[in-house]
Protein backbone atom coordinates (compact mmCIF):
# COMPACT_ATOMS: atom_id res chain seq x y z
CA UNK A 1 -21.02 -56.46 7.33
CA UNK A 2 -18.25 -56.81 9.62
CA UNK A 3 -16.20 -54.14 7.64
CA UNK A 4 -18.93 -51.89 7.10
CA UNK A 5 -19.56 -51.59 11.02
CA UNK A 6 -16.02 -50.88 11.57
CA UNK A 7 -16.14 -47.76 8.88
CA UNK A 8 -19.20 -46.55 10.62
CA UNK A 9 -17.14 -47.01 13.85
CA UNK A 10 -14.49 -45.19 12.33
CA UNK A 11 -16.78 -42.15 11.30
CA UNK A 12 -18.03 -42.14 14.96
CA UNK A 13 -14.50 -41.96 16.49
CA UNK A 14 -13.64 -38.87 14.09
CA UNK A 15 -16.85 -37.05 14.53
CA UNK A 16 -18.89 -37.39 17.37
CA UNK A 17 -16.10 -38.65 19.88
CA UNK A 18 -14.07 -35.57 18.54
CA UNK A 19 -17.21 -32.99 19.42
CA UNK A 20 -17.96 -35.04 22.87
CA UNK A 21 -14.36 -34.47 24.12
CA UNK A 22 -14.14 -30.53 22.91
CA UNK A 23 -17.14 -30.03 24.38
CA UNK A 24 -16.04 -31.75 27.92
CA UNK A 25 -13.04 -30.03 28.02
CA UNK A 26 -15.02 -26.61 27.31
CA UNK A 27 -17.51 -27.41 30.52
CA UNK A 28 -14.21 -28.54 32.51
CA UNK A 29 -12.45 -25.29 31.77
CA UNK A 30 -15.64 -23.18 32.63
CA UNK A 31 -16.05 -25.20 36.00
CA UNK A 32 -12.22 -24.86 36.91
CA UNK A 33 -12.26 -21.22 36.06
CA UNK A 34 -15.47 -20.28 38.19
CA UNK A 35 -14.40 -22.40 41.26
CA UNK A 36 -10.85 -21.44 40.84
CA UNK A 37 -11.64 -17.74 40.79
CA UNK A 38 -14.06 -17.90 43.73
CA UNK A 39 -11.20 -19.77 45.81
CA UNK A 40 -8.63 -17.36 44.91
CA UNK A 41 -10.34 -13.97 44.81
CA UNK A 42 -12.60 -12.67 47.96
CA UNK A 43 -15.28 -10.44 47.88
CA UNK A 44 -13.22 -7.89 49.68
CA UNK A 45 -9.83 -8.92 47.84
CA UNK A 46 -7.41 -6.56 45.39
CA UNK A 47 -4.92 -6.56 43.13
CA UNK A 48 -1.86 -4.67 43.17
CA UNK A 49 0.54 -4.44 40.14
CA UNK A 50 3.74 -2.47 38.85
CA UNK A 51 6.78 -1.80 41.52
CA UNK A 52 8.20 1.33 43.12
CA UNK A 53 10.55 3.25 40.67
CA UNK A 54 13.96 4.63 41.45
CA UNK A 55 13.76 7.05 38.64
CA UNK A 56 13.73 10.41 39.57
CA UNK A 57 10.98 12.91 38.17
CA UNK A 58 11.55 14.14 34.88
CA UNK A 59 12.83 17.79 34.19
CA UNK A 60 10.51 19.41 31.74
CA UNK A 61 12.57 22.69 31.77
CA UNK A 62 14.31 23.86 28.74
CA UNK A 63 18.36 23.30 27.96
CA UNK A 64 20.40 26.26 29.24
CA UNK A 65 20.90 29.10 27.25
CA UNK A 66 19.10 27.25 24.44
CA UNK A 67 17.55 30.23 22.09
CA UNK A 68 14.49 30.44 21.60
CA UNK A 69 12.30 29.68 18.16
CA UNK A 70 11.79 32.53 15.79
CA UNK A 71 8.09 32.96 16.28
CA UNK A 72 6.61 34.47 19.69
CA UNK A 73 3.29 35.05 21.04
CA UNK A 74 2.13 36.76 24.35
CA UNK A 75 -0.81 35.38 26.43
CA UNK A 76 -1.70 37.97 28.95
CA UNK A 77 -3.32 37.69 31.96
CA UNK A 78 -6.95 38.50 32.52
CA UNK A 79 -7.96 41.96 33.55
CA UNK A 80 -6.98 42.43 37.23
CA UNK A 81 -4.02 40.00 36.85
CA UNK A 82 -4.30 36.19 37.35
CA UNK A 83 -6.99 34.81 39.49
CA UNK A 84 -4.30 32.95 42.13
CA UNK A 85 -5.11 29.09 40.95
CA UNK A 86 -3.41 26.89 38.65
CA UNK A 87 -3.60 27.42 35.10
CA UNK A 88 -2.90 25.23 32.15
CA UNK A 89 -1.33 26.46 28.56
CA UNK A 90 -0.89 23.91 25.87
CA UNK A 91 0.21 24.45 22.14
CA UNK A 92 -1.36 22.30 19.40
CA UNK A 93 -0.49 22.41 15.68
CA UNK A 94 2.88 23.49 16.10
CA UNK A 95 4.28 21.23 12.90
CA UNK A 96 7.97 21.90 12.98
CA UNK A 97 11.02 22.38 15.68
CA UNK A 98 10.74 23.11 19.46
CA UNK A 99 7.87 24.87 21.21
CA UNK A 100 9.24 26.83 24.40
CA UNK A 101 6.66 28.20 26.84
CA UNK A 102 8.19 30.84 29.28
CA UNK A 103 6.54 32.14 32.40
CA UNK A 104 8.37 34.42 34.48
CA UNK A 105 11.74 32.83 35.36
CA UNK A 106 10.47 29.46 34.24
CA UNK A 107 10.56 27.74 31.11
CA UNK A 108 9.60 24.61 29.46
CA UNK A 109 10.49 23.25 25.98
CA UNK A 110 9.12 20.33 24.13
CA UNK A 111 9.06 18.95 20.25
CA UNK A 112 6.09 17.13 19.01
CA UNK A 113 7.72 14.35 17.28
CA UNK A 114 9.66 12.98 20.52
CA UNK A 115 7.38 12.53 23.58
CA UNK A 116 10.14 11.90 25.85
CA UNK A 117 10.76 15.96 25.38
CA UNK A 118 7.30 16.95 26.75
CA UNK A 119 5.25 17.37 29.94
CA UNK A 120 3.40 13.76 30.36
CA UNK A 121 0.34 15.58 31.28
CA UNK A 122 -0.14 16.97 27.77
CA UNK A 123 0.06 14.15 24.91
CA UNK A 124 -1.31 15.78 21.99
CA UNK A 125 0.86 19.07 22.69
CA UNK A 126 3.20 20.97 24.33
CA UNK A 127 2.04 22.62 27.74
CA UNK A 128 2.97 23.70 31.24
CA UNK A 129 1.18 24.21 34.38
CA UNK A 130 1.60 27.43 36.11
CA UNK A 131 0.19 28.54 39.70
CA UNK A 132 0.60 32.37 39.27
CA UNK A 133 -0.15 34.21 42.86
CA UNK A 134 -3.26 36.21 42.64
CA UNK A 135 -3.40 39.76 40.78
CA UNK A 136 -0.11 38.59 38.97
CA UNK A 137 0.41 40.23 35.60
CA UNK A 138 3.42 38.48 34.25
CA UNK A 139 2.22 37.30 30.83
CA UNK A 140 2.96 33.55 29.50
CA UNK A 141 5.45 34.21 26.26
CA UNK A 142 4.86 30.77 23.57
CA UNK A 143 7.69 30.43 20.79
CA UNK A 144 7.57 28.11 17.78
CA UNK A 145 9.29 27.55 14.46
CA UNK A 146 7.59 28.91 11.13
CA UNK A 147 5.01 26.47 10.21
CA UNK A 148 5.55 24.43 6.72
CA UNK A 149 2.91 26.89 5.03
CA UNK A 150 1.02 29.62 5.08
CA UNK A 151 -2.32 29.51 7.49
CA UNK A 152 -1.07 26.45 9.45
CA UNK A 153 -0.54 28.48 12.87
CA UNK A 154 -0.54 26.90 16.22
CA UNK A 155 -3.31 26.88 18.73
CA UNK A 156 -2.73 28.02 22.14
CA UNK A 157 -5.29 26.85 24.61
CA UNK A 158 -5.45 28.61 28.49
CA UNK A 159 -7.58 27.07 30.56
CA UNK A 160 -7.71 25.02 33.91
CA UNK A 161 -5.75 22.23 33.95
CA UNK A 162 -8.64 19.61 34.09
CA UNK A 163 -10.18 21.21 31.34
CA UNK A 164 -7.06 21.53 29.04
CA UNK A 165 -6.28 18.31 29.80
CA UNK A 166 -9.28 16.64 28.74
CA UNK A 167 -9.16 18.41 25.30
CA UNK A 168 -5.40 16.98 24.92
CA UNK A 169 -6.59 13.24 25.63
CA UNK A 170 -9.64 14.02 23.26
CA UNK A 171 -7.23 15.16 20.51
CA UNK A 172 -4.77 11.96 21.18
CA UNK A 173 -7.95 9.83 21.24
CA UNK A 174 -9.24 10.75 17.69
CA UNK A 175 -5.41 10.93 16.24
CA UNK A 176 -4.60 7.61 17.47
CA UNK A 177 -7.90 5.88 16.77
CA UNK A 178 -7.87 7.32 12.91
CA UNK A 179 -4.27 5.67 12.83
CA UNK A 180 -5.73 2.61 14.35
CA UNK A 181 -8.94 2.21 11.73
CA UNK A 182 -6.05 2.63 9.13
CA UNK A 183 -3.84 -0.44 10.06
CA UNK A 184 -7.09 -2.33 10.52
CA UNK A 185 -8.12 -1.85 6.94
CA UNK A 186 -4.55 -2.55 5.90
CA UNK A 187 -4.65 -6.05 7.48
CA UNK A 188 -8.06 -6.64 6.15
CA UNK A 189 -7.15 -5.92 2.35
CA UNK A 190 -3.95 -7.91 2.77
CA UNK A 191 -6.27 -10.77 4.43
CA UNK A 192 -8.96 -10.25 1.17
CA UNK A 193 -5.83 -10.38 -1.61
CA UNK A 194 -5.35 -14.43 -1.36
CA UNK A 195 -9.09 -15.02 -1.97
CA UNK A 196 -9.30 -12.26 -4.65
CA UNK A 197 -5.97 -12.36 -6.18
CA UNK A 198 -6.50 -9.03 -7.31
CA UNK A 199 -3.85 -6.36 -6.71
CA UNK A 200 -6.08 -3.55 -6.28
CA UNK A 201 -6.29 -5.10 -2.49
CA UNK A 202 -2.54 -4.80 -2.18
CA UNK A 203 -2.74 -1.35 -3.75
CA UNK A 204 -5.05 -0.17 -1.10
CA UNK A 205 -3.18 -1.84 2.02
CA UNK A 206 0.02 0.15 0.90
CA UNK A 207 -2.54 3.31 0.80
CA UNK A 208 -3.51 2.31 4.11
CA UNK A 209 0.42 2.00 5.29
CA UNK A 210 1.49 5.21 3.76
CA UNK A 211 -1.88 6.95 5.31
CA UNK A 212 -0.55 5.85 8.62
CA UNK A 213 2.97 7.33 7.94
CA UNK A 214 1.62 10.44 6.72
CA UNK A 215 -0.93 10.79 9.70
CA UNK A 216 1.70 10.06 12.34
CA UNK A 217 3.77 12.48 10.82
CA UNK A 218 1.29 15.24 10.72
CA UNK A 219 -0.11 14.43 14.34
CA UNK A 220 3.30 13.84 16.18
CA UNK A 221 2.47 10.25 16.83
CA UNK A 222 5.69 9.42 15.15
CA UNK A 223 7.33 10.17 18.58
CA UNK A 224 4.80 8.74 20.60
CA UNK A 225 5.36 7.42 23.34
CA UNK A 226 9.13 7.36 21.77
CA UNK A 227 10.19 8.31 18.10
CA UNK A 228 9.72 5.46 15.67
CA UNK A 229 10.33 7.61 12.88
CA UNK A 230 13.94 10.14 12.37
CA UNK A 231 11.40 13.01 11.91
CA UNK A 232 12.66 15.46 14.72
CA UNK A 233 14.68 18.13 13.24
CA UNK A 234 13.55 17.18 9.76
CA UNK A 235 9.98 18.06 10.39
CA UNK A 236 9.29 19.82 7.22
CA UNK A 237 10.89 17.66 4.70
CA UNK A 238 8.80 15.09 6.21
CA UNK A 239 5.51 16.79 5.92
CA UNK A 240 6.29 18.17 2.29
CA UNK A 241 7.27 14.61 1.30
CA UNK A 242 4.59 12.69 2.92
CA UNK A 243 1.94 14.97 2.05
CA UNK A 244 3.11 14.64 -1.61
CA UNK A 245 2.91 11.04 -1.62
CA UNK A 246 -0.46 10.68 0.38
CA UNK A 247 -2.17 13.57 -1.71
CA UNK A 248 -1.04 11.99 -4.79
CA UNK A 249 -2.66 8.45 -3.62
CA UNK A 250 -5.77 9.81 -2.36
CA UNK A 251 -6.31 11.55 -5.84
CA UNK A 252 -5.41 8.11 -7.46
CA UNK A 253 -7.75 6.42 -5.29
CA UNK A 254 -10.70 9.20 -6.09
CA UNK A 255 -10.13 9.00 -9.92
CA UNK A 256 -10.31 4.78 -9.42
CA UNK A 257 -13.67 5.29 -7.44
CA UNK A 258 -15.30 7.79 -10.08
CA UNK A 259 -14.19 5.60 -13.06
CA UNK A 260 -16.17 2.65 -11.37
CA UNK A 261 -15.90 -1.05 -12.28
CA UNK A 262 -15.89 -0.56 -16.39
CA UNK A 263 -12.45 0.59 -16.15
CA UNK A 264 -10.10 -1.74 -17.76
CA UNK A 265 -7.32 -3.24 -15.61
CA UNK A 266 -4.52 -2.31 -18.16
CA UNK A 267 -5.73 1.71 -18.07
CA UNK A 268 -5.99 1.43 -14.29
CA UNK A 269 -2.82 -0.13 -13.70
CA UNK A 270 -0.82 2.41 -16.07
CA UNK A 271 -2.98 5.34 -14.17
CA UNK A 272 -1.70 4.16 -10.68
CA UNK A 273 1.65 3.37 -12.05
CA UNK A 274 1.62 7.32 -13.73
CA UNK A 275 0.42 9.06 -10.55
CA UNK A 276 2.59 6.75 -8.19
CA UNK A 277 5.64 7.61 -10.08
CA UNK A 278 5.07 11.17 -10.55
CA UNK A 279 4.37 12.05 -6.73
CA UNK A 280 7.17 9.54 -5.38
CA UNK A 281 9.23 11.61 -7.89
CA UNK A 282 8.16 14.84 -6.01
CA UNK A 283 8.49 13.61 -2.91
CA UNK A 284 12.22 12.27 -3.47
CA UNK A 285 12.78 16.08 -4.67
CA UNK A 286 11.45 17.26 -1.42
CA UNK A 287 13.26 15.18 0.72
CA UNK A 288 16.36 16.03 -0.77
CA UNK A 289 16.14 19.98 -1.79
CA UNK A 290 17.28 22.84 -0.23
CA UNK A 291 15.31 23.79 3.32
CA UNK A 292 14.43 27.10 1.37
CA UNK A 293 12.26 25.45 -0.83
CA UNK A 294 10.05 23.72 1.40
CA UNK A 295 7.55 26.22 1.80
CA UNK A 296 6.85 26.86 -1.46
CA UNK A 297 6.65 23.16 -2.23
CA UNK A 298 4.13 22.58 0.32
CA UNK A 299 2.23 25.40 -1.43
CA UNK A 300 2.76 24.37 -4.96
CA UNK A 301 1.51 20.36 -3.30
CA UNK A 302 -1.70 22.11 -2.24
CA UNK A 303 -2.19 23.85 -5.14
CA UNK A 304 -1.70 20.88 -7.48
CA UNK A 305 -4.12 18.84 -5.25
CA UNK A 306 -7.24 21.54 -5.47
CA UNK A 307 -6.74 21.78 -9.07
CA UNK A 308 -6.89 17.92 -9.57
CA UNK A 309 -9.58 17.39 -7.10
CA UNK A 310 -11.64 20.01 -8.64
CA UNK A 311 -11.24 18.31 -12.11
CA UNK A 312 -11.93 14.93 -10.70
CA UNK A 313 -14.93 16.35 -8.74
CA UNK A 314 -16.43 17.92 -12.12
CA UNK A 315 -16.22 14.66 -13.82
CA UNK A 316 -17.90 12.63 -11.11
CA UNK A 317 -20.61 15.02 -11.16
CA UNK A 318 -20.91 14.86 -15.05
CA UNK A 319 -21.03 10.96 -14.35
CA UNK A 320 -23.88 11.55 -11.80
CA UNK A 321 -25.76 13.73 -14.31
CA UNK A 322 -25.85 10.60 -16.78
CA UNK A 323 -26.61 8.18 -14.24
CA UNK A 324 -23.57 5.96 -14.60
CA UNK A 325 -22.66 3.17 -11.72
CA UNK A 326 -20.26 3.77 -9.53
CA UNK A 327 -20.37 7.47 -8.51
CA UNK A 328 -22.16 7.79 -5.26
CA UNK A 329 -19.25 6.45 -3.46
CA UNK A 330 -16.61 8.42 -5.17
CA UNK A 331 -18.50 11.41 -4.01
CA UNK A 332 -19.16 10.36 -0.77
CA UNK A 333 -15.28 9.91 -0.68
CA UNK A 334 -14.67 13.53 -1.61
CA UNK A 335 -17.09 15.19 0.77
CA UNK A 336 -14.62 15.82 3.41
CA UNK A 337 -11.82 16.97 1.39
CA UNK A 338 -14.72 19.46 -0.14
CA UNK A 339 -15.71 20.43 3.11
CA UNK A 340 -12.23 21.46 4.37
CA UNK A 341 -11.55 23.28 1.42
CA UNK A 342 -14.58 25.59 1.90
CA UNK A 343 -13.38 25.79 5.52
CA UNK A 344 -10.06 27.16 4.56
CA UNK A 345 -11.60 29.98 2.36
CA UNK A 346 -14.23 31.10 4.83
CA UNK A 347 -11.27 31.20 7.35
CA UNK A 348 -12.81 28.84 9.79
CA UNK A 349 -11.53 29.49 13.67
CA UNK A 350 -12.71 25.81 14.01
CA UNK A 351 -10.64 24.54 11.30
CA UNK A 352 -7.50 26.20 12.28
CA UNK A 353 -7.86 25.19 16.05
CA UNK A 354 -8.30 21.21 15.10
CA UNK A 355 -6.73 21.39 11.72
CA UNK A 356 -5.03 18.05 12.61
CA UNK A 357 -8.14 16.12 13.62
CA UNK A 358 -10.00 17.41 10.57
CA UNK A 359 -7.41 16.35 7.83
CA UNK A 360 -6.76 12.92 9.54
CA UNK A 361 -10.28 12.36 9.92
CA UNK A 362 -10.95 13.32 6.24
CA UNK A 363 -8.34 10.37 5.53
CA UNK A 364 -9.99 7.96 7.60
CA UNK A 365 -13.63 8.77 5.94
CA UNK A 366 -11.83 8.20 2.39
CA UNK A 367 -10.21 5.00 3.38
CA UNK A 368 -13.59 3.45 4.91
CA UNK A 369 -15.16 4.34 1.70
CA UNK A 370 -12.85 3.21 -0.30
CA UNK A 371 -12.86 -0.08 1.68
CA UNK A 372 -16.53 -0.14 1.08
CA UNK A 373 -15.64 -0.12 -2.54
CA UNK A 374 -13.47 -2.63 -2.47
CA UNK A 375 -15.79 -4.85 -0.85
CA UNK A 376 -17.93 -4.42 -3.53
CA UNK A 377 -15.49 -5.19 -5.88
CA UNK A 378 -14.71 -8.40 -3.85
CA UNK A 379 -18.12 -9.31 -4.03
CA UNK A 380 -18.40 -9.09 -7.86
CA UNK A 381 -15.10 -10.97 -8.53
CA UNK A 382 -16.35 -13.65 -6.35
CA UNK A 383 -19.95 -13.75 -8.34
CA UNK A 384 -17.78 -13.87 -11.45
CA UNK A 385 -15.59 -16.62 -10.09
CA UNK A 386 -18.89 -18.42 -9.16
CA UNK A 387 -20.36 -18.08 -12.54
CA UNK A 388 -17.17 -18.97 -14.53
CA UNK A 389 -16.71 -21.85 -12.08
CA UNK A 390 -20.54 -22.88 -12.95
CA UNK A 391 -19.85 -22.49 -16.44
CA UNK A 392 -16.88 -24.59 -16.75
CA UNK A 393 -18.96 -27.26 -14.86
CA UNK A 394 -22.37 -26.95 -16.59
CA UNK A 395 -23.23 -28.95 -19.74
CA UNK A 396 -24.53 -26.23 -21.96
CA UNK A 397 -27.39 -28.13 -23.51
CA UNK A 398 -29.14 -30.05 -20.88
CA UNK A 399 -27.88 -27.49 -17.73
CA UNK A 400 -26.96 -30.93 -15.89
CA UNK A 401 -23.20 -30.69 -14.48
CA UNK A 402 -20.79 -31.99 -17.09
CA UNK A 403 -18.34 -34.88 -16.87
CA UNK A 404 -15.63 -33.04 -14.68
CA UNK A 405 -18.26 -32.03 -12.29
CA UNK A 406 -20.03 -35.45 -12.07
CA UNK A 407 -16.85 -37.28 -11.26
CA UNK A 408 -15.65 -35.01 -8.51
CA UNK A 409 -19.06 -34.93 -7.00
CA UNK A 410 -18.86 -39.27 -7.04
CA UNK A 411 -15.31 -38.68 -5.49
CA UNK A 412 -16.54 -36.62 -2.55
CA UNK A 413 -19.73 -38.76 -2.11
CA UNK A 414 -17.53 -41.74 -1.97
CA UNK A 415 -15.28 -40.05 0.40
CA UNK A 416 -18.31 -39.15 2.48
CA UNK A 417 -19.87 -42.68 2.29
CA UNK A 418 -16.57 -44.22 3.46
CA UNK A 419 -16.25 -41.49 6.54
CA UNK A 420 -19.62 -42.31 7.76
CA UNK A 421 -20.14 -45.76 7.16
CA UNK A 422 -23.48 -45.21 4.88
CA UNK A 423 -24.62 -46.35 1.52
CA UNK A 424 -23.85 -45.05 -1.95
CA UNK A 425 -25.40 -46.02 -5.26
CA UNK A 426 -24.27 -45.40 -8.97
CA UNK A 427 -26.44 -45.63 -11.99
CA UNK A 428 -25.01 -45.17 -15.68
CA UNK A 429 -27.75 -44.24 -17.82
CA UNK A 430 -27.36 -44.67 -21.72
CA UNK A 431 -30.26 -43.72 -24.51
CA UNK A 432 -30.99 -46.41 -26.86
CA UNK A 433 -30.34 -45.96 -30.12
CA UNK A 434 -29.48 -42.17 -29.88
CA UNK A 435 -27.41 -42.17 -33.73
CA UNK A 436 -30.55 -43.66 -35.17
CA UNK A 437 -32.99 -40.86 -33.37
CA UNK A 438 -30.55 -38.30 -35.07
CA UNK A 439 -30.60 -39.91 -38.23
CA UNK A 440 -34.16 -40.29 -38.59
CA UNK A 441 -35.27 -37.28 -37.06
CA UNK A 442 -32.47 -34.76 -37.00
CA UNK A 443 -30.23 -33.48 -34.62
CA UNK A 444 -32.73 -31.01 -33.37
CA UNK A 445 -34.73 -33.68 -32.29
CA UNK A 446 -31.36 -35.24 -30.37
CA UNK A 447 -30.86 -32.27 -28.43
CA UNK A 448 -34.78 -32.51 -27.40
CA UNK A 449 -34.02 -36.16 -26.48
CA UNK A 450 -31.25 -35.06 -24.50
CA UNK A 451 -32.93 -32.25 -22.82
CA UNK A 452 -36.34 -34.42 -21.69
CA UNK A 453 -33.98 -36.97 -20.50
CA UNK A 454 -31.99 -34.51 -18.34
CA UNK A 455 -35.67 -33.53 -16.89
CA UNK A 456 -36.50 -36.78 -16.07
CA UNK A 457 -32.97 -37.52 -14.44
CA UNK A 458 -33.65 -34.33 -12.04
CA UNK A 459 -36.89 -36.05 -11.23
CA UNK A 460 -35.18 -39.01 -10.19
CA UNK A 461 -32.35 -37.31 -7.56
CA UNK A 462 -32.87 -35.32 -4.81
CA UNK A 463 -29.99 -32.73 -5.45
CA UNK A 464 -29.47 -30.65 -8.83
CA UNK A 465 -25.56 -32.25 -8.66
CA UNK A 466 -26.65 -35.72 -8.52
CA UNK A 467 -26.96 -36.01 -11.89
CA UNK A 468 -24.49 -35.53 -14.91
CA UNK A 469 -24.25 -35.69 -18.28
CA UNK A 470 -21.02 -37.85 -19.16
CA UNK A 471 -20.85 -36.98 -22.80
CA UNK A 472 -22.86 -37.81 -25.91
CA UNK A 473 -25.99 -39.97 -24.74
CA UNK A 474 -24.38 -41.01 -21.22
CA UNK A 475 -25.70 -39.97 -18.09
CA UNK A 476 -24.31 -40.79 -14.59
CA UNK A 477 -26.60 -40.75 -11.56
CA UNK A 478 -25.61 -40.52 -7.87
CA UNK A 479 -27.65 -42.07 -5.16
CA UNK A 480 -25.97 -41.30 -2.01
CA UNK A 481 -27.69 -43.29 1.09
CA UNK A 482 -29.68 -45.48 -1.49
CA UNK A 483 -29.43 -49.34 -1.04
CA UNK A 484 -28.84 -51.58 -4.37
CA UNK A 485 -32.36 -52.19 -4.49
CA UNK A 486 -34.10 -48.97 -3.82
CA UNK A 487 -31.57 -47.80 -6.69
CA UNK A 488 -33.02 -50.42 -9.17
CA UNK A 489 -36.64 -49.48 -8.46
CA UNK A 490 -35.55 -45.51 -8.79
CA UNK A 491 -34.03 -46.46 -11.98
CA UNK A 492 -37.19 -48.68 -13.06
CA UNK A 493 -39.22 -45.67 -12.35
CA UNK A 494 -36.79 -43.36 -14.35
CA UNK A 495 -36.95 -45.51 -17.37
CA UNK A 496 -40.75 -45.43 -17.59
CA UNK A 497 -40.95 -41.73 -17.33
CA UNK A 498 -38.11 -41.35 -20.34
CA UNK A 499 -40.43 -43.68 -22.53
CA UNK A 500 -43.59 -41.38 -21.39
CA UNK A 501 -41.98 -38.24 -22.31
CA UNK A 502 -41.28 -39.53 -26.00
CA UNK A 503 -45.00 -38.34 -27.18
CA UNK A 504 -44.35 -35.23 -25.47
CA UNK A 505 -41.66 -34.00 -28.07
CA UNK A 506 -43.88 -33.96 -31.11
CA UNK A 507 -41.68 -36.35 -33.14
CA UNK A 508 -43.70 -39.28 -34.82
CA UNK A 509 -42.88 -42.79 -34.49
CA UNK A 510 -40.12 -41.71 -31.90
CA UNK A 511 -39.42 -44.26 -29.15
CA UNK A 512 -37.37 -43.37 -26.08
CA UNK A 513 -36.07 -45.78 -24.06
CA UNK A 514 -32.80 -46.25 -21.95
CA UNK A 515 -30.01 -48.95 -20.85
CA UNK A 516 -29.48 -48.35 -17.14
CA UNK A 517 -26.81 -50.04 -15.33
CA UNK A 518 -26.53 -49.71 -11.37
CA UNK A 519 -23.85 -50.75 -8.90
CA UNK A 520 -23.37 -50.08 -5.02
CA UNK A 521 -20.81 -49.68 -2.66
CA UNK A 522 -18.73 -52.62 -1.38
CA UNK A 523 -16.84 -53.39 1.21
CA UNK A 524 -13.61 -53.72 -0.87
CA UNK A 525 -14.06 -50.74 -3.06
CA UNK A 526 -10.68 -48.75 -2.94
CA UNK A 527 -12.19 -45.90 -5.07
CA UNK A 528 -15.02 -44.45 -7.03
CA UNK A 529 -13.60 -45.38 -10.02
CA UNK A 530 -14.39 -49.23 -9.02
CA UNK A 531 -18.41 -48.03 -8.99
CA UNK A 532 -17.96 -46.26 -11.82
CA UNK A 533 -16.67 -49.19 -13.79
CA UNK A 534 -19.30 -51.65 -12.19
CA UNK A 535 -21.82 -49.26 -13.45
CA UNK A 536 -20.77 -48.83 -16.96
CA UNK A 537 -20.27 -52.55 -17.15
CA UNK A 538 -23.59 -53.17 -15.88
CA UNK A 539 -25.07 -50.84 -18.42
CA UNK A 540 -23.55 -52.56 -21.28
CA UNK A 541 -25.00 -55.70 -19.99
CA UNK A 542 -28.34 -54.24 -20.14
CA UNK A 543 -27.84 -53.30 -23.95
CA UNK A 544 -26.80 -56.89 -24.21
CA UNK A 545 -29.72 -58.69 -22.79
CA UNK A 546 -31.82 -56.27 -25.04
CA UNK A 547 -32.15 -52.49 -24.10
CA UNK A 548 -34.75 -50.86 -22.56
CA UNK A 549 -33.83 -52.32 -19.00
CA UNK A 550 -32.44 -51.77 -15.73
CA UNK A 551 -29.37 -54.23 -14.95
CA UNK A 552 -27.60 -54.67 -11.43
CA UNK A 553 -23.99 -55.18 -11.32
CA UNK A 554 -23.26 -58.94 -10.27
CA UNK A 555 -21.36 -59.21 -6.96
């Protein structure tokens, strides 16, 4: 009794005292925070952060005698001249080199991939604010370098400074949010990999990381707030190289989504390796080829993407027509790219103005749908793992837990009883004369006897995991929180139910009895094996005593 009480005290210390201490600490933190804040901050208080600067304002003017970029556009004043109020002019979607804006004798330059060279009032583009005199008719002249491929022309926005800056900020928010989503999805896939042990999650995380580099180069965020990729001066090479890898990865992802969960892992792996190798090789060529090749290569990459995209889309529609599984997520992932292609063919002004944001949103949507498909895959893997574990720990004939599962459950109950100071009884059940039953009535009768015994055992316990087939005609019964006397009563009831089931099996002369040994947790038990040994010894004592009886292990 003294040892049992000490066990209960230990369990109480580790659980209840720990929770009480944590609760008390939480209450103290809340009280100290509430009263401390009330004492530190008055209703009319305020907080000052930062410190005065000694840094001179940055000069956004162009370097002296620097030649303007190759292409030029003139933004004329409205009829009757400028109205004499501040005007903002911002250039978006200038993908390569420096952008130069000139008004009268003032010139402003900036690079998309180096935010340090741009006016801080414009975060997604290169801009300037002018205050022309009323009626002045001098135009604003904009210079930029040739785009990486035809149609990717810059957008020049003119208007009130607040309006232009709001649009600029909105563009920056969209671009940054797309990168943030890709980073979050990559981290989620990496966290799911240890649980799934599926290389597909690592591949998806790599795809997200690649999309971050691709989008950062496309949007100019590779230079914000300072350059963290060496893009400036090599914009077209980075653009073509990352576009090759990014579009190739997107096509591979679409192909895997269309193929669905039934695709063999070997075929999936070979497809990924082939696609990755092809597009990585194209990227290496893009990064090392002469500058004159960049334009044709950019066009070639886009054409190759569209052709393969149409093939995958046709395959997806064919599988949808046949009502094959897994096609809907694939088609959903492909919709934005199809919309972009249609807008491109239609010459949409909206696409020209917001091309960067449209491409980033399409990539983000594709990653989100792919993440949904990966979650479905993770669910399937978990169900398969649970089913495999259940099969590995279940006796196929009786449906009870097998020997391995029974011993594991016994160990868990023993540890819980020791930790919480509760009781635990164990019974070992052996069907009497089982070999004779097989010899006289056949093995089919023996199987039916075992199934009937399992059904009777289920009625004697509270949970499905508290009875197990140990092998042959032997069964283990676990009774947590049950005393020895109550365990003997339950086993006597079980013995009676077994005897009653013999008549329901339809075999003439069949007698169904069992020898049962019972024991309970003792103070000096150091492991669960001690209970198992005593229950087994008590069961053999029941057999020696004439069978068809319940024997309690001696003290």
